[in-house]
Amino acid sequence: MATEVLIPPMGESIKQALLVKWHKIDGQAVGTDEPLAELETDKANVDVRSPSNGVLRRMRKEGESVAVGDVIARVEEGAAAPAAKASAAAAPPPVPSQSATTAPKTPFDDLSPAVRTLVIENNLDAKSIPATGPGGRLTRQDVESFLAAKNSAARAAAAPRPPAAPPPPPAAVSVPPAPSTAKAAATPPAPMEFDAKGIRREPMSKIRKRIAETLVSAQKTAAILTTFNEIDLTTLMDLRARYKERFQEVHGVGLGFMSFFCRAVVLALREFPRVNGSIEGDDVVFHNYVNLGIAVSTDRGLAVPVLRNVQDMSFGKIESEIKRLAAGTREGKLNLEELSGATFTITNGGIFGSLLSTPILTPPQSGILGMHAIQKRPMVVGDKIEIRNMMYVALSYDHRLVDGRDSVSFLVRVKQLLEDPARLMLEI
């Protein structure tokens, strides 16, 4: 008797995924609830687990697209011993149970989900690609540069180019990955190959499709307006500089600006609950908690992990959770629950140098706060002109639910709390 291994429902309207990696080899003995395969969706990487004890019979290959409800394998009961031994012929016979339950390390284990997908789709050997990432890690740009050089070399071998007017000399195209050629081509962004008409096509990634659908949906369904203000962060920066070393000693994590903004948002949402609400049909839904989305840029696109019940968190807890979620997002290790359910979002374009922007809502949320670059500017303080550390902030909101008075007052409240950090401690 065999039990089918199905692609489970994954929520958030996710219907398809990429079968990135099998954790178990074909014919290997597996136990109930043991991870069998890793799926990549447009939000996170998730594992498919075994429904029963038995022997795995794989039916789909790594790199294939699968849909919810698809059968990707069967677990056969009763024939575990012979099948497992036949598949693991290289394993020493004295310890069959250990060899049967330990999956061999694959060449994809150290790759990020986006890089792994690119390597699998193009049937590449990851070890043959020069890696330039931190700690010798292979990046998406490394793979794209390798593919560009490989395609260029293949075309050059098939049909040599006529002598071209501008220098580079012809010898530069004859050898695929010569160091000088690679260095010359590796200008950011990664070099692209185009056809004779100057066009290049590539499939849109799942996460990019999801981002596009979300943004278009927000523009169609919500009445989005944006209000702006500016915050003098001089006092806050002095406070952070004074206590960041002690904060690190006590909490084991660095003190950033995001925890201050999170606390200010929580207190402001308490006073203006509509900004933390949402519209469902003909109802307005209010929340007595704040699930705060923090936008994180990854090589797969923008993701928004969620700090749940952030109103109950200390500064140290907020900073440690942000660090954990950001790392998990970039490595593709968060589950779907950690990437959904936000009631309000903060996005920080300032880390890329943005001075001002109008962030777009993520439905069904009614508000998103945009942080920007901190700049020294001359400001009038009292009757004097002083150099202060200023940041523009933007609140985009759904005008169907949030009126102009609430949106402006919310942003002013955030400004008051951050310009006088003592208010954050006293919650006044």
Protein backbone atom coordinates (compact mmCIF):
# COMPACT_ATOMS: atom_id res chain seq x y z
CA MET A 1 0.00 0.00 0.00
CA ALA A 2 1.32 3.46 -0.91
CA THR A 3 0.45 6.92 0.42
CA GLU A 4 0.57 9.85 -2.00
CA VAL A 5 2.70 12.88 -1.15
CA LEU A 6 0.72 15.95 -2.21
CA ILE A 7 1.63 19.64 -2.52
CA PRO A 8 -0.29 21.08 0.44
CA PRO A 9 -2.37 24.30 0.46
CA MET A 10 0.01 27.17 1.21
CA GLY A 11 -2.36 30.08 1.84
CA GLU A 12 -2.18 33.68 0.63
CA SER A 13 -3.52 32.68 -2.83
CA ILE A 14 -0.36 30.67 -3.57
CA LYS A 15 -1.21 28.06 -6.21
CA GLN A 16 2.19 27.11 -7.63
CA ALA A 17 5.74 26.55 -6.41
CA LEU A 18 9.14 25.37 -7.60
CA LEU A 19 10.46 22.01 -6.42
CA VAL A 20 13.91 23.27 -5.46
CA LYS A 21 15.45 20.27 -3.73
CA TRP A 22 14.75 16.74 -2.54
CA HIS A 23 15.94 16.09 1.01
CA LYS A 24 15.69 12.30 0.50
CA ILE A 25 16.91 10.05 -2.28
CA ASP A 26 14.64 7.71 -4.19
CA GLY A 27 14.09 4.43 -2.34
CA GLN A 28 15.14 5.87 1.04
CA ALA A 29 13.28 4.98 4.22
CA VAL A 30 11.39 7.95 5.70
CA GLY A 31 9.35 8.56 8.83
CA THR A 32 6.05 10.33 9.41
CA ASP A 33 6.35 14.13 9.27
CA GLU A 34 9.97 13.95 8.09
CA PRO A 35 10.93 16.67 5.53
CA LEU A 36 11.01 15.19 2.03
CA ALA A 37 11.41 18.14 -0.33
CA GLU A 38 11.85 21.91 -0.34
CA LEU A 39 9.46 24.16 -2.29
CA GLU A 40 10.08 27.76 -3.30
CA THR A 41 6.99 29.99 -3.45
CA ASP A 42 6.65 33.70 -4.13
CA LYS A 43 6.79 34.36 -0.38
CA ALA A 44 8.96 31.75 1.32
CA ASN A 45 10.59 28.35 1.06
CA VAL A 46 8.62 25.54 2.69
CA ASP A 47 9.14 21.82 3.24
CA VAL A 48 6.82 19.01 2.12
CA ARG A 49 6.69 16.35 4.85
CA SER A 50 6.08 12.64 4.74
CA PRO A 51 2.48 11.56 5.47
CA SER A 52 3.56 8.12 6.78
CA ASN A 53 6.41 5.70 7.43
CA GLY A 54 7.80 3.78 4.49
CA VAL A 55 9.99 4.06 1.41
CA LEU A 56 10.07 7.18 -0.77
CA ARG A 57 9.31 6.85 -4.48
CA ARG A 58 9.95 10.22 -6.13
CA MET A 59 7.77 11.21 -9.09
CA ARG A 60 8.92 14.76 -9.85
CA LYS A 61 12.37 16.21 -10.52
CA GLU A 62 14.21 19.11 -8.94
CA GLY A 63 13.57 22.35 -10.83
CA GLU A 64 10.02 21.43 -11.89
CA SER A 65 7.03 23.69 -11.25
CA VAL A 66 4.30 22.08 -9.17
CA ALA A 67 0.79 23.13 -8.19
CA VAL A 68 -1.22 22.73 -5.01
CA GLY A 69 -2.67 19.20 -4.98
CA ASP A 70 -0.05 17.70 -7.33
CA VAL A 71 1.36 14.28 -6.42
CA ILE A 72 5.15 14.55 -6.26
CA ALA A 73 5.93 11.18 -4.65
CA ARG A 74 4.57 8.07 -2.97
CA VAL A 75 5.54 6.51 0.35
CA GLU A 76 5.31 2.71 0.09
CA GLU A 77 4.69 0.82 3.30
CA GLY A 78 6.27 -2.52 4.13
CA ALA A 79 9.16 -2.67 1.61
CA ALA A 80 11.44 -0.33 3.50
CA ALA A 81 14.45 -2.55 4.17
CA PRO A 82 15.39 -3.87 0.72
CA ALA A 83 14.65 -0.63 -1.10
CA ALA A 84 16.61 1.48 1.32
CA LYS A 85 19.62 -0.85 1.10
CA ALA A 86 19.53 -0.91 -2.68
CA SER A 87 19.48 2.88 -2.90
CA ALA A 88 22.21 3.39 -0.32
CA ALA A 89 24.70 0.90 -1.72
CA ALA A 90 27.59 3.11 -0.72
CA ALA A 91 26.59 3.06 2.93
CA PRO A 92 28.31 0.56 5.23
CA PRO A 93 26.00 -2.36 6.15
CA PRO A 94 26.54 -2.25 9.94
CA VAL A 95 24.47 0.91 10.40
CA PRO A 96 21.53 0.74 8.01
CA SER A 97 19.18 2.83 10.15
CA GLN A 98 21.53 5.81 10.28
CA SER A 99 22.33 5.75 6.56
CA ALA A 100 18.67 5.37 5.75
CA THR A 101 17.58 8.48 7.59
CA THR A 102 20.41 10.85 6.72
CA ALA A 103 20.10 12.57 3.33
CA PRO A 104 23.34 13.12 1.44
CA LYS A 105 24.60 16.68 1.14
CA THR A 106 23.80 18.11 -2.29
CA PRO A 107 25.75 20.75 -4.22
CA PHE A 108 22.80 23.13 -3.73
CA ASP A 109 22.78 23.18 0.10
CA ASP A 110 24.89 26.35 0.42
CA LEU A 111 23.04 28.36 -2.24
CA SER A 112 20.28 30.90 -1.67
CA PRO A 113 16.88 29.92 -3.16
CA ALA A 114 17.19 32.40 -6.07
CA VAL A 115 20.72 31.26 -6.97
CA ARG A 116 19.77 27.59 -6.59
CA THR A 117 16.82 28.06 -8.96
CA LEU A 118 19.02 29.77 -11.56
CA VAL A 119 21.65 27.00 -11.36
CA ILE A 120 19.06 24.21 -11.67
CA GLU A 121 17.14 25.86 -14.54
CA ASN A 122 20.32 26.31 -16.59
CA ASN A 123 21.79 22.89 -15.66
CA LEU A 124 25.00 24.41 -14.30
CA ASP A 125 27.71 23.06 -12.01
CA ALA A 126 27.74 25.51 -9.09
CA LYS A 127 31.35 24.59 -8.21
CA SER A 128 32.60 25.72 -11.62
CA ILE A 129 31.26 29.27 -11.23
CA PRO A 130 33.61 31.86 -9.65
CA ALA A 131 31.98 33.12 -6.41
CA THR A 132 32.38 36.73 -5.24
CA GLY A 133 29.90 36.84 -2.35
CA PRO A 134 30.77 37.10 1.38
CA GLY A 135 32.68 34.05 2.58
CA GLY A 136 33.02 32.72 -0.98
CA ARG A 137 29.23 32.48 -1.39
CA LEU A 138 27.81 32.27 -4.90
CA THR A 139 25.54 35.22 -5.78
CA ARG A 140 22.90 35.70 -8.45
CA GLN A 141 25.19 38.16 -10.23
CA ASP A 142 27.96 35.53 -10.34
CA VAL A 143 25.63 33.07 -12.09
CA GLU A 144 24.28 35.67 -14.54
CA SER A 145 27.81 36.81 -15.41
CA PHE A 146 28.87 33.18 -15.94
CA LEU A 147 25.86 32.55 -18.22
CA ALA A 148 26.55 35.73 -20.20
CA ALA A 149 30.19 34.72 -20.74
CA LYS A 150 29.16 31.17 -21.66
CA ASN A 151 26.55 32.33 -24.19
CA SER A 152 28.94 34.86 -25.67
CA ALA A 153 31.64 32.21 -26.12
CA ALA A 154 29.18 29.78 -27.73
CA ARG A 155 28.07 32.38 -30.28
CA ALA A 156 31.67 33.39 -30.99
CA ALA A 157 32.63 29.75 -31.67
CA ALA A 158 29.66 29.16 -33.97
CA ALA A 159 29.98 32.35 -36.03
CA PRO A 160 33.11 34.46 -35.54
CA ARG A 161 32.45 38.17 -35.46
CA PRO A 162 33.70 40.35 -38.32
CA PRO A 163 36.39 42.82 -37.28
CA ALA A 164 34.69 45.52 -35.26
CA ALA A 165 35.57 49.19 -35.36
CA PRO A 166 35.87 49.95 -31.66
CA PRO A 167 38.55 48.23 -29.55
CA PRO A 168 38.16 45.48 -27.71
CA PRO A 169 40.47 43.26 -29.78
CA PRO A 170 39.04 40.05 -31.30
CA ALA A 171 41.06 37.86 -28.92
CA ALA A 172 38.86 39.02 -26.07
CA VAL A 173 35.94 36.99 -27.42
CA SER A 174 37.75 33.80 -28.20
CA VAL A 175 38.19 32.52 -24.64
CA PRO A 176 35.06 32.37 -22.44
CA PRO A 177 36.00 33.26 -18.87
CA ALA A 178 39.39 34.94 -19.16
CA PRO A 179 39.91 37.08 -16.04
CA SER A 180 40.46 40.30 -17.98
CA THR A 181 37.30 39.75 -20.04
CA ALA A 182 35.20 38.90 -16.97
CA LYS A 183 36.49 41.95 -15.13
CA ALA A 184 35.75 44.26 -18.04
CA ALA A 185 32.20 42.89 -18.43
CA ALA A 186 31.32 42.83 -14.73
CA THR A 187 29.93 46.35 -14.50
CA PRO A 188 26.85 46.65 -12.28
CA PRO A 189 24.22 45.59 -13.10
CA ALA A 190 25.43 42.19 -14.39
CA PRO A 191 26.15 42.19 -18.14
CA MET A 192 23.23 41.11 -20.28
CA GLU A 193 23.16 39.47 -23.68
CA PHE A 194 20.74 40.84 -26.28
CA ASP A 195 19.55 39.56 -29.66
CA ALA A 196 20.14 41.26 -33.01
CA LYS A 197 17.22 43.63 -32.36
CA GLY A 198 18.64 44.67 -29.00
CA ILE A 199 16.06 42.70 -26.98
CA ARG A 200 16.49 40.26 -24.12
CA ARG A 201 13.69 38.14 -22.64
CA GLU A 202 13.66 36.12 -19.42
CA PRO A 203 10.79 34.61 -17.39
CA MET A 204 9.46 36.74 -14.56
CA SER A 205 10.16 35.16 -11.16
CA LYS A 206 7.30 34.02 -8.94
CA ILE A 207 8.01 36.65 -6.31
CA ARG A 208 8.17 39.41 -8.94
CA LYS A 209 4.80 38.29 -10.34
CA ARG A 210 3.34 38.35 -6.84
CA ILE A 211 4.73 41.83 -6.17
CA ALA A 212 3.26 43.08 -9.45
CA GLU A 213 -0.17 41.59 -8.68
CA THR A 214 -0.18 43.10 -5.18
CA LEU A 215 0.80 46.57 -6.37
CA VAL A 216 -1.78 46.62 -9.17
CA SER A 217 -4.45 45.31 -6.79
CA ALA A 218 -3.64 48.06 -4.28
CA GLN A 219 -3.92 50.76 -6.94
CA LYS A 220 -7.24 49.37 -8.19
CA THR A 221 -8.99 48.72 -4.88
CA ALA A 222 -7.75 51.42 -2.47
CA ALA A 223 -7.95 55.21 -2.58
CA ILE A 224 -4.28 55.81 -1.83
CA LEU A 225 -3.10 59.23 -0.68
CA THR A 226 0.24 60.20 0.87
CA THR A 227 1.02 62.82 3.50
CA PHE A 228 4.54 64.00 4.36
CA ASN A 229 6.43 65.45 7.28
CA GLU A 230 10.03 65.78 8.45
CA ILE A 231 11.58 64.65 11.71
CA ASP A 232 14.54 66.14 13.57
CA LEU A 233 16.46 63.03 14.69
CA THR A 234 19.35 64.88 16.33
CA THR A 235 18.29 64.11 19.90
CA LEU A 236 17.53 60.50 19.02
CA MET A 237 20.90 60.03 17.33
CA ASP A 238 22.69 61.48 20.38
CA LEU A 239 20.75 59.09 22.65
CA ARG A 240 21.61 56.13 20.46
CA ALA A 241 25.30 57.05 20.32
CA ARG A 242 25.40 57.39 24.11
CA TYR A 243 23.86 54.00 24.93
CA LYS A 244 24.45 51.71 21.92
CA GLU A 245 27.48 49.96 23.46
CA ARG A 246 25.70 49.31 26.75
CA PHE A 247 22.59 48.19 24.83
CA GLN A 248 24.71 45.67 22.94
CA GLU A 249 26.16 44.32 26.22
CA VAL A 250 22.76 43.93 27.88
CA HIS A 251 20.65 42.68 24.96
CA GLY A 252 23.25 41.05 22.72
CA VAL A 253 22.06 42.96 19.65
CA GLY A 254 22.84 46.35 18.12
CA LEU A 255 20.62 49.37 18.73
CA GLY A 256 19.29 50.67 15.42
CA PHE A 257 16.74 53.32 14.53
CA MET A 258 14.03 50.83 13.57
CA SER A 259 13.12 49.93 17.17
CA PHE A 260 12.44 53.61 17.92
CA PHE A 261 10.24 53.92 14.85
CA CYS A 262 8.41 50.68 15.75
CA ARG A 263 7.63 51.94 19.27
CA ALA A 264 6.52 55.34 17.92
CA VAL A 265 4.22 53.66 15.39
CA VAL A 266 2.69 51.42 18.08
CA LEU A 267 1.87 54.38 20.33
CA ALA A 268 0.50 56.45 17.42
CA LEU A 269 -1.68 53.56 16.18
CA ARG A 270 -3.13 53.27 19.67
CA GLU A 271 -4.43 56.83 19.30
CA PHE A 272 -5.51 56.49 15.66
CA PRO A 273 -6.82 52.91 15.33
CA ARG A 274 -8.25 53.40 11.83
CA VAL A 275 -4.72 53.55 10.45
CA ASN A 276 -4.25 50.04 11.91
CA GLY A 277 -7.59 48.82 10.56
CA SER A 278 -8.76 47.33 7.27
CA ILE A 279 -11.85 47.03 5.09
CA GLU A 280 -13.44 43.62 4.55
CA GLY A 281 -16.50 43.83 2.32
CA ASP A 282 -18.87 46.26 4.02
CA ASP A 283 -17.14 46.00 7.40
CA VAL A 284 -14.33 47.92 9.04
CA VAL A 285 -11.99 45.60 10.98
CA PHE A 286 -10.12 47.06 13.95
CA HIS A 287 -7.21 45.36 15.76
CA ASN A 288 -6.21 45.61 19.43
CA TYR A 289 -2.70 44.46 18.45
CA VAL A 290 -0.06 45.58 15.96
CA ASN A 291 1.46 43.06 13.56
CA LEU A 292 4.17 45.20 12.01
CA GLY A 293 5.54 44.39 8.55
CA ILE A 294 9.17 45.41 7.96
CA ALA A 295 10.09 45.58 4.26
CA VAL A 296 13.34 43.73 3.45
CA SER A 297 15.13 43.78 0.09
CA THR A 298 16.43 40.40 -1.13
CA ASP A 299 17.96 39.09 -4.35
CA ARG A 300 14.53 37.65 -5.16
CA GLY A 301 12.69 40.96 -4.67
CA LEU A 302 11.01 42.77 -1.80
CA ALA A 303 9.67 40.67 1.09
CA VAL A 304 7.85 41.82 4.22
CA PRO A 305 8.41 39.67 7.33
CA VAL A 306 6.06 40.42 10.21
CA LEU A 307 6.74 41.28 13.87
CA ARG A 308 3.68 39.87 15.60
CA ASN A 309 2.25 41.65 18.65
CA VAL A 310 5.01 44.22 18.52
CA GLN A 311 3.11 46.29 21.13
CA ASP A 312 4.30 43.76 23.75
CA MET A 313 7.98 43.86 22.73
CA SER A 314 10.84 45.69 24.42
CA PHE A 315 13.44 47.59 22.41
CA GLY A 316 15.83 44.63 22.74
CA LYS A 317 13.20 42.15 21.58
CA ILE A 318 12.27 44.33 18.60
CA GLU A 319 15.89 44.63 17.48
CA SER A 320 16.58 40.90 17.86
CA GLU A 321 13.39 39.95 15.99
CA ILE A 322 14.18 42.36 13.16
CA LYS A 323 17.65 40.88 12.85
CA ARG A 324 16.30 37.29 12.88
CA LEU A 325 13.53 37.97 10.38
CA ALA A 326 15.76 39.95 8.00
CA ALA A 327 18.37 37.17 7.96
CA GLY A 328 15.71 34.49 7.52
CA THR A 329 14.12 36.43 4.67
CA ARG A 330 17.36 36.83 2.75
CA GLU A 331 18.24 33.15 3.25
CA GLY A 332 14.73 31.99 2.33
CA LYS A 333 14.20 30.25 5.67
CA LEU A 334 11.00 31.89 6.95
CA ASN A 335 7.67 30.11 6.88
CA LEU A 336 4.53 31.59 5.32
CA GLU A 337 3.08 32.64 8.68
CA GLU A 338 6.10 34.87 9.31
CA LEU A 339 5.50 36.63 6.00
CA SER A 340 1.78 37.33 6.30
CA GLY A 341 -0.80 38.91 8.60
CA ALA A 342 0.66 42.43 8.98
CA THR A 343 -1.74 45.20 10.04
CA PHE A 344 0.70 48.05 9.26
CA THR A 345 4.04 48.27 7.43
CA ILE A 346 7.27 50.26 7.66
CA THR A 347 9.59 50.54 4.66
CA ASN A 348 13.00 52.22 4.70
CA GLY A 349 14.12 53.52 1.32
CA GLY A 350 16.73 55.59 3.10
CA ILE A 351 19.16 52.67 3.19
CA PHE A 352 19.40 53.02 -0.61
CA GLY A 353 19.71 56.81 -0.45
CA SER A 354 16.07 57.73 -1.13
CA LEU A 355 15.26 61.25 0.07
CA LEU A 356 11.50 61.13 -0.56
CA SER A 357 9.01 58.60 -1.90
CA THR A 358 5.33 57.61 -1.85
CA PRO A 359 5.09 54.00 -0.58
CA ILE A 360 2.27 51.78 -1.86
CA LEU A 361 -0.14 49.97 0.47
CA THR A 362 -0.18 46.21 0.86
CA PRO A 363 -3.87 45.15 0.88
CA PRO A 364 -5.80 44.87 3.10
CA GLN A 365 -3.67 47.24 5.23
CA SER A 366 -4.72 50.87 5.44
CA GLY A 367 -1.33 52.46 6.20
CA ILE A 368 2.38 52.23 5.40
CA LEU A 369 5.13 54.47 6.77
CA GLY A 370 8.08 55.34 4.53
CA MET A 371 11.43 56.23 6.14
CA HIS A 372 14.12 58.01 4.14
CA ALA A 373 17.75 59.09 4.24
CA ILE A 374 18.98 61.17 7.18
CA GLN A 375 20.53 64.44 6.00
CA LYS A 376 22.22 67.28 7.82
CA ARG A 377 20.27 70.46 7.03
CA PRO A 378 20.21 74.02 8.40
CA MET A 379 17.07 74.41 10.52
CA VAL A 380 15.66 77.24 12.59
CA VAL A 381 15.72 76.23 16.27
CA GLY A 382 14.30 78.97 18.45
CA ASP A 383 15.81 82.09 16.95
CA LYS A 384 19.00 80.40 15.73
CA ILE A 385 19.98 78.45 12.65
CA GLU A 386 21.51 75.08 13.56
CA ILE A 387 22.72 72.06 11.62
CA ARG A 388 20.30 69.23 12.45
CA ASN A 389 19.87 65.57 11.37
CA MET A 390 16.64 65.55 9.41
CA MET A 391 14.55 62.81 7.79
CA TYR A 392 11.52 63.13 5.55
CA VAL A 393 8.78 60.61 6.35
CA ALA A 394 5.73 59.66 4.30
CA LEU A 395 2.47 57.99 5.28
CA SER A 396 0.45 56.42 2.47
CA TYR A 397 -3.07 55.55 3.58
CA ASP A 398 -6.40 54.27 2.29
CA HIS A 399 -8.68 57.31 2.14
CA ARG A 400 -11.73 55.05 2.08
CA LEU A 401 -11.11 54.35 5.77
CA VAL A 402 -8.64 56.97 7.00
CA ASP A 403 -9.50 60.66 6.79
CA GLY A 404 -6.95 63.40 6.25
CA ARG A 405 -7.18 64.53 9.87
CA ASP A 406 -6.30 61.08 11.23
CA SER A 407 -3.48 60.51 8.74
CA VAL A 408 -1.83 63.89 9.34
CA SER A 409 -2.32 63.63 13.12
CA PHE A 410 -0.83 60.13 13.13
CA LEU A 411 2.30 61.31 11.34
CA VAL A 412 2.63 64.35 13.61
CA ARG A 413 2.37 62.06 16.63
CA VAL A 414 5.18 59.84 15.28
CA LYS A 415 7.25 63.00 14.76
CA GLN A 416 6.64 64.18 18.37
CA LEU A 417 7.62 60.82 19.84
CA LEU A 418 10.85 60.56 17.85
CA GLU A 419 11.96 64.15 18.33
CA ASP A 420 11.56 63.77 22.10
CA PRO A 421 12.48 60.11 22.86
CA ALA A 422 11.54 60.53 26.53
CA ARG A 423 7.91 60.43 25.31
CA LEU A 424 8.53 56.88 24.05
CA MET A 425 9.65 55.75 27.49
CA LEU A 426 6.81 57.48 29.30
CA GLU A 427 4.22 56.70 26.55
CA ILE A 428 2.94 60.28 26.57
